[in-house]
Amino acid sequence: MNKNYPEKLFNPESYDRDDLIQIQSDISSLIIHEDDFEPLNLIGGSDCAFLDDLIICGIVILDYNTLDVIEKSYLTHKVTFPYIPTFLSFREGSAIASAIFKLENIPDLLMFDGCGINHPRRVGIASHVGAVLDIPTIGVAKKILCGKRGSGEPESVGASKPLIYNGETTGYLYKSKKGTNPIIIAPGNRVSLESSLEIVKHCIRHHKLPEPTRLAHNYVNDVKKQLQDRYKNDNINKWMGNKDSKYSETDG
């Protein structure tokens, strides 16, 4: 895992669109589109939530074979980048990287609630973080960001259809649960198209989303609620003249 990446890859000096696209282009050239990972023993899921000017990044680590939870960890950061469509990685990437470095159990592969190469410039959050940190990643999204259904939509549970963008397959639409829309599965970095699909299928249990991202989503929203309650109590304490809160933005 690469911890010595240039800071601008997550925290650009400029918000100029051309500058951001150039950084994405540089990152795109680093993406490995083939399987390049060890046998999967631990798999992680990452998701982020926002509370006022804070971003909360939560990561859940599971045993790949049993999908039992091994570790949960979160980290909060000040938000330093606005929400701009197709540039999500500059808003969330630094917090995700910091949360990964904090883990006691580094996963063999990390799954993201977001896009991989199924992105206009092939640098969704999973590809961006994966390429910068040089780790295997997969993106699992709920909606199509770009591209078209290659041959219709999968109708039966367990069926998949290719997602096509600019004449290339960039992912799959996968019907994971009856009565729900398909999820969109795409490789991020160091994982092939076929392996991305098979790994996510392995991680589906009784829900629409695979366990790594489903549990990460639930976890980070639980943390958000706890922080909201803490904020509420802090404000009450200050109003009543009690001691200042010990809350720190790097709690967790």
C-alpha atoms as a PDB file:
ATOM      1  CA  MET A   1       0.000   0.000   0.000  1.00  0.00           C
ATOM      2  CA  ASN A   2       1.324   3.397  -0.988  1.00  0.00           C
ATOM      3  CA  LYS A   3       1.289   5.968   1.823  1.00  0.00           C
ATOM      4  CA  ASN A   4       3.651   8.404   0.120  1.00  0.00           C
ATOM      5  CA  TYR A   5       1.346   9.779  -2.556  1.00  0.00           C
ATOM      6  CA  PRO A   6       1.364  13.455  -3.663  1.00  0.00           C
ATOM      7  CA  GLU A   7      -1.077  15.397  -1.503  1.00  0.00           C
ATOM      8  CA  LYS A   8      -2.728  17.055  -4.505  1.00  0.00           C
ATOM      9  CA  LEU A   9      -4.116  13.706  -5.674  1.00  0.00           C
ATOM     10  CA  PHE A  10      -6.722  13.974  -2.904  1.00  0.00           C
ATOM     11  CA  ASN A  11      -6.435  17.647  -1.973  1.00  0.00           C
ATOM     12  CA  PRO A  12      -6.050  19.671  -5.196  1.00  0.00           C
ATOM     13  CA  GLU A  13      -4.700  23.192  -4.993  1.00  0.00           C
ATOM     14  CA  SER A  14      -7.254  24.427  -7.505  1.00  0.00           C
ATOM     15  CA  TYR A  15     -10.955  23.838  -8.081  1.00  0.00           C
ATOM     16  CA  ASP A  16     -10.541  24.667 -11.760  1.00  0.00           C
ATOM     17  CA  ARG A  17     -12.262  21.964 -13.786  1.00  0.00           C
ATOM     18  CA  ASP A  18      -9.392  21.538 -16.238  1.00  0.00           C
ATOM     19  CA  ASP A  19      -6.922  21.116 -13.386  1.00  0.00           C
ATOM     20  CA  LEU A  20      -9.126  18.503 -11.727  1.00  0.00           C
ATOM     21  CA  ILE A  21      -9.552  16.612 -14.992  1.00  0.00           C
ATOM     22  CA  GLN A  22      -5.785  16.605 -15.471  1.00  0.00           C
ATOM     23  CA  ILE A  23      -5.299  15.035 -12.038  1.00  0.00           C
ATOM     24  CA  GLN A  24      -7.917  12.421 -12.879  1.00  0.00           C
ATOM     25  CA  SER A  25      -6.159  11.735 -16.156  1.00  0.00           C
ATOM     26  CA  ASP A  26      -2.869  11.199 -14.320  1.00  0.00           C
ATOM     27  CA  ILE A  27      -4.570   8.823 -11.885  1.00  0.00           C
ATOM     28  CA  SER A  28      -6.323   6.974 -14.705  1.00  0.00           C
ATOM     29  CA  SER A  29      -2.941   6.032 -16.139  1.00  0.00           C
ATOM     30  CA  LEU A  30      -2.094   4.277 -12.850  1.00  0.00           C
ATOM     31  CA  ILE A  31      -5.159   2.030 -12.788  1.00  0.00           C
ATOM     32  CA  ILE A  32      -4.493  -1.686 -13.241  1.00  0.00           C
ATOM     33  CA  HIS A  33      -7.371  -3.427 -14.992  1.00  0.00           C
ATOM     34  CA  GLU A  34      -6.295  -7.014 -14.322  1.00  0.00           C
ATOM     35  CA  ASP A  35      -6.438  -9.218 -11.244  1.00  0.00           C
ATOM     36  CA  ASP A  36      -3.507  -8.317  -9.034  1.00  0.00           C
ATOM     37  CA  PHE A  37      -4.403  -9.350  -5.507  1.00  0.00           C
ATOM     38  CA  GLU A  38      -3.626 -12.061  -2.981  1.00  0.00           C
ATOM     39  CA  PRO A  39      -6.164 -14.768  -2.077  1.00  0.00           C
ATOM     40  CA  LEU A  40      -9.012 -12.991  -0.317  1.00  0.00           C
ATOM     41  CA  ASN A  41      -9.063 -13.552   3.419  1.00  0.00           C
ATOM     42  CA  LEU A  42     -10.241 -10.125   4.554  1.00  0.00           C
ATOM     43  CA  ILE A  43     -12.545  -7.829   2.606  1.00  0.00           C
ATOM     44  CA  GLY A  44     -13.451  -4.284   3.576  1.00  0.00           C
ATOM     45  CA  GLY A  45     -16.369  -1.980   2.888  1.00  0.00           C
ATOM     46  CA  SER A  46     -16.192   1.815   2.966  1.00  0.00           C
ATOM     47  CA  ASP A  47     -18.869   4.494   3.105  1.00  0.00           C
ATOM     48  CA  CYS A  48     -19.051   8.159   4.084  1.00  0.00           C
ATOM     49  CA  ALA A  49     -21.635  10.391   5.730  1.00  0.00           C
ATOM     50  CA  PHE A  50     -21.710  14.134   6.360  1.00  0.00           C
ATOM     51  CA  LEU A  51     -22.559  16.119   9.463  1.00  0.00           C
ATOM     52  CA  ASP A  52     -22.444  19.893   9.081  1.00  0.00           C
ATOM     53  CA  ASP A  53     -18.853  20.594   7.962  1.00  0.00           C
ATOM     54  CA  LEU A  54     -17.563  17.138   8.893  1.00  0.00           C
ATOM     55  CA  ILE A  55     -17.103  14.065   6.744  1.00  0.00           C
ATOM     56  CA  ILE A  56     -17.353  10.756   8.564  1.00  0.00           C
ATOM     57  CA  CYS A  57     -15.628   7.798   6.916  1.00  0.00           C
ATOM     58  CA  GLY A  58     -16.484   4.347   8.194  1.00  0.00           C
ATOM     59  CA  ILE A  59     -14.779   1.087   7.245  1.00  0.00           C
ATOM     60  CA  VAL A  60     -15.925  -2.411   8.161  1.00  0.00           C
ATOM     61  CA  ILE A  61     -13.588  -5.401   7.764  1.00  0.00           C
ATOM     62  CA  LEU A  62     -15.067  -8.867   7.247  1.00  0.00           C
ATOM     63  CA  ASP A  63     -13.810 -12.405   6.914  1.00  0.00           C
ATOM     64  CA  TYR A  64     -14.226 -13.040   3.182  1.00  0.00           C
ATOM     65  CA  ASN A  65     -15.364 -16.634   3.575  1.00  0.00           C
ATOM     66  CA  THR A  66     -17.863 -16.244   6.420  1.00  0.00           C
ATOM     67  CA  LEU A  67     -18.574 -12.491   6.118  1.00  0.00           C
ATOM     68  CA  ASP A  68     -18.260 -12.204   9.890  1.00  0.00           C
ATOM     69  CA  VAL A  69     -17.234  -8.727  11.059  1.00  0.00           C
ATOM     70  CA  ILE A  70     -13.589  -8.522  12.159  1.00  0.00           C
ATOM     71  CA  GLU A  71     -13.155  -4.788  12.732  1.00  0.00           C
ATOM     72  CA  LYS A  72     -15.003  -1.480  12.521  1.00  0.00           C
ATOM     73  CA  SER A  73     -13.287   1.883  12.423  1.00  0.00           C
ATOM     74  CA  TYR A  74     -14.234   5.443  11.629  1.00  0.00           C
ATOM     75  CA  LEU A  75     -12.559   8.787  11.283  1.00  0.00           C
ATOM     76  CA  THR A  76     -13.833  12.340  10.910  1.00  0.00           C
ATOM     77  CA  HIS A  77     -12.346  15.200   8.927  1.00  0.00           C
ATOM     78  CA  LYS A  78     -13.302  18.734   8.071  1.00  0.00           C
ATOM     79  CA  VAL A  79     -14.828  18.960   4.609  1.00  0.00           C
ATOM     80  CA  THR A  80     -12.394  20.851   2.386  1.00  0.00           C
ATOM     81  CA  PHE A  81     -13.871  20.308  -1.091  1.00  0.00           C
ATOM     82  CA  PRO A  82     -17.369  21.135  -2.378  1.00  0.00           C
ATOM     83  CA  TYR A  83     -19.727  18.603  -3.910  1.00  0.00           C
ATOM     84  CA  ILE A  84     -19.072  18.589  -7.661  1.00  0.00           C
ATOM     85  CA  PRO A  85     -20.511  15.720  -9.742  1.00  0.00           C
ATOM     86  CA  THR A  86     -17.841  13.293 -11.087  1.00  0.00           C
ATOM     87  CA  PHE A  87     -15.225  14.746  -8.695  1.00  0.00           C
ATOM     88  CA  LEU A  88     -16.403  12.979  -5.530  1.00  0.00           C
ATOM     89  CA  SER A  89     -12.947  11.559  -4.776  1.00  0.00           C
ATOM     90  CA  PHE A  90     -11.551  15.012  -4.012  1.00  0.00           C
ATOM     91  CA  ARG A  91     -14.267  15.429  -1.385  1.00  0.00           C
ATOM     92  CA  GLU A  92     -13.990  11.998   0.252  1.00  0.00           C
ATOM     93  CA  GLY A  93     -10.648  10.504  -0.760  1.00  0.00           C
ATOM     94  CA  SER A  94      -8.404  11.996   1.913  1.00  0.00           C
ATOM     95  CA  ALA A  95     -10.713  10.905   4.741  1.00  0.00           C
ATOM     96  CA  ILE A  96     -10.982   7.399   3.302  1.00  0.00           C
ATOM     97  CA  ALA A  97      -7.205   7.108   2.985  1.00  0.00           C
ATOM     98  CA  SER A  98      -6.702   8.258   6.581  1.00  0.00           C
ATOM     99  CA  ALA A  99      -9.302   5.758   7.796  1.00  0.00           C
ATOM    100  CA  ILE A 100      -7.561   2.931   5.924  1.00  0.00           C
ATOM    101  CA  PHE A 101      -4.197   3.797   7.470  1.00  0.00           C
ATOM    102  CA  LYS A 102      -5.808   3.615  10.906  1.00  0.00           C
ATOM    103  CA  LEU A 103      -7.004   0.016  10.505  1.00  0.00           C
ATOM    104  CA  GLU A 104      -5.500  -2.824  12.520  1.00  0.00           C
ATOM    105  CA  ASN A 105      -6.585  -5.343   9.862  1.00  0.00           C
ATOM    106  CA  ILE A 106      -5.751  -4.223   6.331  1.00  0.00           C
ATOM    107  CA  PRO A 107      -8.187  -5.848   3.869  1.00  0.00           C
ATOM    108  CA  ASP A 108      -7.008  -7.758   0.829  1.00  0.00           C
ATOM    109  CA  LEU A 109      -9.617  -5.809  -1.143  1.00  0.00           C
ATOM    110  CA  LEU A 110     -11.771  -2.781  -0.369  1.00  0.00           C
ATOM    111  CA  MET A 111     -15.311  -2.299  -1.684  1.00  0.00           C
ATOM    112  CA  PHE A 112     -16.784   1.184  -2.113  1.00  0.00           C
ATOM    113  CA  ASP A 113     -20.282   2.628  -2.174  1.00  0.00           C
ATOM    114  CA  GLY A 114     -19.695   4.360  -5.511  1.00  0.00           C
ATOM    115  CA  CYS A 115     -18.207   3.989  -8.952  1.00  0.00           C
ATOM    116  CA  GLY A 116     -15.039   2.400 -10.234  1.00  0.00           C
ATOM    117  CA  ILE A 117     -14.092   2.663 -13.903  1.00  0.00           C
ATOM    118  CA  ASN A 118     -17.774   3.248 -14.746  1.00  0.00           C
ATOM    119  CA  HIS A 119     -17.079   6.980 -14.662  1.00  0.00           C
ATOM    120  CA  PRO A 120     -16.796   9.517 -17.524  1.00  0.00           C
ATOM    121  CA  ARG A 121     -13.021   9.576 -17.064  1.00  0.00           C
ATOM    122  CA  ARG A 122     -12.788   6.051 -15.570  1.00  0.00           C
ATOM    123  CA  VAL A 123     -11.826   7.458 -12.163  1.00  0.00           C
ATOM    124  CA  GLY A 124     -14.723   6.884  -9.773  1.00  0.00           C
ATOM    125  CA  ILE A 125     -14.078   6.825  -6.037  1.00  0.00           C
ATOM    126  CA  ALA A 126     -13.021   3.153  -6.053  1.00  0.00           C
ATOM    127  CA  SER A 127     -10.584   3.644  -8.928  1.00  0.00           C
ATOM    128  CA  HIS A 128      -9.223   6.934  -7.603  1.00  0.00           C
ATOM    129  CA  VAL A 129      -8.482   5.675  -4.087  1.00  0.00           C
ATOM    130  CA  GLY A 130      -7.358   2.281  -5.357  1.00  0.00           C
ATOM    131  CA  ALA A 131      -4.860   3.700  -7.836  1.00  0.00           C
ATOM    132  CA  VAL A 132      -3.444   6.361  -5.505  1.00  0.00           C
ATOM    133  CA  LEU A 133      -2.983   3.923  -2.605  1.00  0.00           C
ATOM    134  CA  ASP A 134      -2.145   0.978  -4.903  1.00  0.00           C
ATOM    135  CA  ILE A 135      -4.750  -1.345  -3.394  1.00  0.00           C
ATOM    136  CA  PRO A 136      -7.349  -3.676  -4.991  1.00  0.00           C
ATOM    137  CA  THR A 137     -10.796  -2.048  -5.065  1.00  0.00           C
ATOM    138  CA  ILE A 138     -14.329  -2.526  -6.413  1.00  0.00           C
ATOM    139  CA  GLY A 139     -17.132  -0.001  -6.784  1.00  0.00           C
ATOM    140  CA  VAL A 140     -20.785  -0.860  -6.129  1.00  0.00           C
ATOM    141  CA  ALA A 141     -23.241   1.874  -7.098  1.00  0.00           C
ATOM    142  CA  LYS A 142     -27.022   2.113  -6.934  1.00  0.00           C
ATOM    143  CA  LYS A 143     -27.424   4.205 -10.083  1.00  0.00           C
ATOM    144  CA  ILE A 144     -25.754   4.462 -13.486  1.00  0.00           C
ATOM    145  CA  LEU A 145     -23.408   7.448 -13.642  1.00  0.00           C
ATOM    146  CA  CYS A 146     -22.539   6.997 -17.290  1.00  0.00           C
ATOM    147  CA  GLY A 147     -23.043   4.318 -19.926  1.00  0.00           C
ATOM    148  CA  LYS A 148     -25.951   2.264 -21.211  1.00  0.00           C
ATOM    149  CA  ARG A 149     -27.350  -1.163 -20.623  1.00  0.00           C
ATOM    150  CA  GLY A 150     -25.690  -3.300 -23.262  1.00  0.00           C
ATOM    151  CA  SER A 151     -28.502  -5.800 -23.718  1.00  0.00           C
ATOM    152  CA  GLY A 152     -31.372  -4.720 -21.553  1.00  0.00           C
ATOM    153  CA  GLU A 153     -31.766  -5.028 -17.822  1.00  0.00           C
ATOM    154  CA  PRO A 154     -31.324  -8.252 -15.815  1.00  0.00           C
ATOM    155  CA  GLU A 155     -34.740  -9.539 -14.806  1.00  0.00           C
ATOM    156  CA  SER A 156     -34.143 -12.562 -12.592  1.00  0.00           C
ATOM    157  CA  VAL A 157     -32.207 -12.659  -9.322  1.00  0.00           C
ATOM    158  CA  GLY A 158     -28.595 -13.638 -10.002  1.00  0.00           C
ATOM    159  CA  ALA A 159     -28.627 -12.353 -13.586  1.00  0.00           C
ATOM    160  CA  SER A 160     -26.230  -9.714 -14.893  1.00  0.00           C
ATOM    161  CA  LYS A 161     -25.942  -7.537 -17.982  1.00  0.00           C
ATOM    162  CA  PRO A 162     -22.941  -5.519 -19.194  1.00  0.00           C
ATOM    163  CA  LEU A 163     -22.755  -1.755 -18.760  1.00  0.00           C
ATOM    164  CA  ILE A 164     -21.349  -0.145 -21.912  1.00  0.00           C
ATOM    165  CA  TYR A 165     -19.678   3.248 -22.173  1.00  0.00           C
ATOM    166  CA  ASN A 166     -17.948   4.497 -25.324  1.00  0.00           C
ATOM    167  CA  GLY A 167     -18.146   1.017 -26.800  1.00  0.00           C
ATOM    168  CA  GLU A 168     -16.437  -0.675 -23.828  1.00  0.00           C
ATOM    169  CA  THR A 169     -17.776  -2.753 -20.964  1.00  0.00           C
ATOM    170  CA  THR A 170     -17.117  -0.779 -17.782  1.00  0.00           C
ATOM    171  CA  GLY A 171     -19.153  -2.855 -15.355  1.00  0.00           C
ATOM    172  CA  TYR A 172     -22.249  -4.955 -14.835  1.00  0.00           C
ATOM    173  CA  LEU A 173     -25.842  -4.448 -13.827  1.00  0.00           C
ATOM    174  CA  TYR A 174     -26.591  -7.214 -11.350  1.00  0.00           C
ATOM    175  CA  LYS A 175     -30.008  -8.220 -10.046  1.00  0.00           C
ATOM    176  CA  SER A 176     -29.230  -8.997  -6.409  1.00  0.00           C
ATOM    177  CA  LYS A 177     -32.718  -9.145  -4.899  1.00  0.00           C
ATOM    178  CA  LYS A 178     -36.279  -9.615  -6.089  1.00  0.00           C
ATOM    179  CA  GLY A 179     -38.319  -6.435  -6.314  1.00  0.00           C
ATOM    180  CA  THR A 180     -35.307  -4.101  -6.431  1.00  0.00           C
ATOM    181  CA  ASN A 181     -33.380  -2.327  -9.153  1.00  0.00           C
ATOM    182  CA  PRO A 182     -30.050  -3.848 -10.197  1.00  0.00           C
ATOM    183  CA  ILE A 183     -26.851  -2.682  -8.534  1.00  0.00           C
ATOM    184  CA  ILE A 184     -23.954  -1.510 -10.705  1.00  0.00           C
ATOM    185  CA  ILE A 185     -20.687  -3.374 -10.163  1.00  0.00           C
ATOM    186  CA  ALA A 186     -17.384  -2.167 -11.595  1.00  0.00           C
ATOM    187  CA  PRO A 187     -13.692  -2.773 -10.983  1.00  0.00           C
ATOM    188  CA  GLY A 188     -11.786  -0.015  -9.271  1.00  0.00           C
ATOM    189  CA  ASN A 189      -8.133  -0.997  -9.372  1.00  0.00           C
ATOM    190  CA  ARG A 190      -6.170  -4.262  -9.586  1.00  0.00           C
ATOM    191  CA  VAL A 191      -9.374  -6.242 -10.205  1.00  0.00           C
ATOM    192  CA  SER A 192     -10.792  -7.476 -13.513  1.00  0.00           C
ATOM    193  CA  LEU A 193     -14.363  -7.042 -14.699  1.00  0.00           C
ATOM    194  CA  GLU A 194     -15.138 -10.719 -14.222  1.00  0.00           C
ATOM    195  CA  SER A 195     -13.626 -10.940 -10.750  1.00  0.00           C
ATOM    196  CA  SER A 196     -15.453  -7.794  -9.643  1.00  0.00           C
ATOM    197  CA  LEU A 197     -18.758  -9.429 -10.488  1.00  0.00           C
ATOM    198  CA  GLU A 198     -17.904 -12.749  -8.837  1.00  0.00           C
ATOM    199  CA  ILE A 199     -16.557 -11.160  -5.645  1.00  0.00           C
ATOM    200  CA  VAL A 200     -19.621  -8.967  -5.185  1.00  0.00           C
ATOM    201  CA  LYS A 201     -21.932 -11.925  -5.880  1.00  0.00           C
ATOM    202  CA  HIS A 202     -20.114 -13.876  -3.167  1.00  0.00           C
ATOM    203  CA  CYS A 203     -20.778 -11.036  -0.719  1.00  0.00           C
ATOM    204  CA  ILE A 204     -24.529 -10.833  -1.339  1.00  0.00           C
ATOM    205  CA  ARG A 205     -26.599 -12.399   1.411  1.00  0.00           C
ATOM    206  CA  HIS A 206     -30.236 -11.454   2.014  1.00  0.00           C
ATOM    207  CA  HIS A 207     -30.061  -7.833   0.957  1.00  0.00           C
ATOM    208  CA  LYS A 208     -29.749  -5.743  -2.190  1.00  0.00           C
ATOM    209  CA  LEU A 209     -26.245  -4.542  -1.375  1.00  0.00           C
ATOM    210  CA  PRO A 210     -23.182  -6.715  -0.679  1.00  0.00           C
ATOM    211  CA  GLU A 211     -22.353  -7.098   2.997  1.00  0.00           C
ATOM    212  CA  PRO A 212     -19.159  -4.972   3.023  1.00  0.00           C
ATOM    213  CA  THR A 213     -20.822  -1.788   1.753  1.00  0.00           C
ATOM    214  CA  ARG A 214     -24.181  -2.495   3.403  1.00  0.00           C
ATOM    215  CA  LEU A 215     -22.578  -2.872   6.819  1.00  0.00           C
ATOM    216  CA  ALA A 216     -20.285   0.119   6.242  1.00  0.00           C
ATOM    217  CA  HIS A 217     -23.335   2.234   5.344  1.00  0.00           C
ATOM    218  CA  ASN A 218     -25.175   1.160   8.489  1.00  0.00           C
ATOM    219  CA  TYR A 219     -22.091   1.681  10.636  1.00  0.00           C
ATOM    220  CA  VAL A 220     -21.249   5.173   9.407  1.00  0.00           C
ATOM    221  CA  ASN A 221     -24.856   6.303   9.860  1.00  0.00           C
ATOM    222  CA  ASP A 222     -24.879   4.909  13.391  1.00  0.00           C
ATOM    223  CA  VAL A 223     -21.718   6.919  14.074  1.00  0.00           C
ATOM    224  CA  LYS A 224     -23.351  10.012  12.578  1.00  0.00           C
ATOM    225  CA  LYS A 225     -26.331   9.645  14.913  1.00  0.00           C
ATOM    226  CA  GLN A 226     -24.023   9.249  17.911  1.00  0.00           C
ATOM    227  CA  LEU A 227     -22.135  12.405  16.936  1.00  0.00           C
ATOM    228  CA  GLN A 228     -25.394  14.287  16.422  1.00  0.00           C
ATOM    229  CA  ASP A 229     -26.485  13.298  19.924  1.00  0.00           C
ATOM    230  CA  ARG A 230     -23.100  14.349  21.274  1.00  0.00           C
ATOM    231  CA  TYR A 231     -23.372  17.722  19.536  1.00  0.00           C
ATOM    232  CA  LYS A 232     -26.812  18.163  21.072  1.00  0.00           C
ATOM    233  CA  ASN A 233     -25.510  17.370  24.544  1.00  0.00           C
ATOM    234  CA  ASP A 234     -22.499  19.638  24.031  1.00  0.00           C
ATOM    235  CA  ASN A 235     -24.745  22.560  23.175  1.00  0.00           C
ATOM    236  CA  ILE A 236     -26.909  21.897  26.240  1.00  0.00           C
ATOM    237  CA  ASN A 237     -23.815  21.690  28.464  1.00  0.00           C
ATOM    238  CA  LYS A 238     -22.407  24.966  27.135  1.00  0.00           C
ATOM    239  CA  TRP A 239     -25.778  26.703  27.523  1.00  0.00           C
ATOM    240  CA  MET A 240     -25.959  25.525  31.144  1.00  0.00           C
ATOM    241  CA  GLY A 241     -22.395  26.676  31.816  1.00  0.00           C
ATOM    242  CA  ASN A 242     -20.921  23.198  32.184  1.00  0.00           C
ATOM    243  CA  LYS A 243     -17.392  22.257  31.131  1.00  0.00           C
ATOM    244  CA  ASP A 244     -16.572  22.274  27.449  1.00  0.00           C
ATOM    245  CA  SER A 245     -16.980  19.000  25.622  1.00  0.00           C
ATOM    246  CA  LYS A 246     -14.030  16.678  25.126  1.00  0.00           C
ATOM    247  CA  TYR A 247     -15.238  15.932  21.616  1.00  0.00           C
ATOM    248  CA  SER A 248     -12.505  16.028  18.995  1.00  0.00           C
ATOM    249  CA  GLU A 249     -12.848  15.999  15.243  1.00  0.00           C
ATOM    250  CA  THR A 250     -10.506  13.018  15.130  1.00  0.00           C
ATOM    251  CA  ASP A 251     -12.493  10.907  17.591  1.00  0.00           C
ATOM    252  CA  GLY A 252     -12.870   7.278  16.610  1.00  0.00           C
END
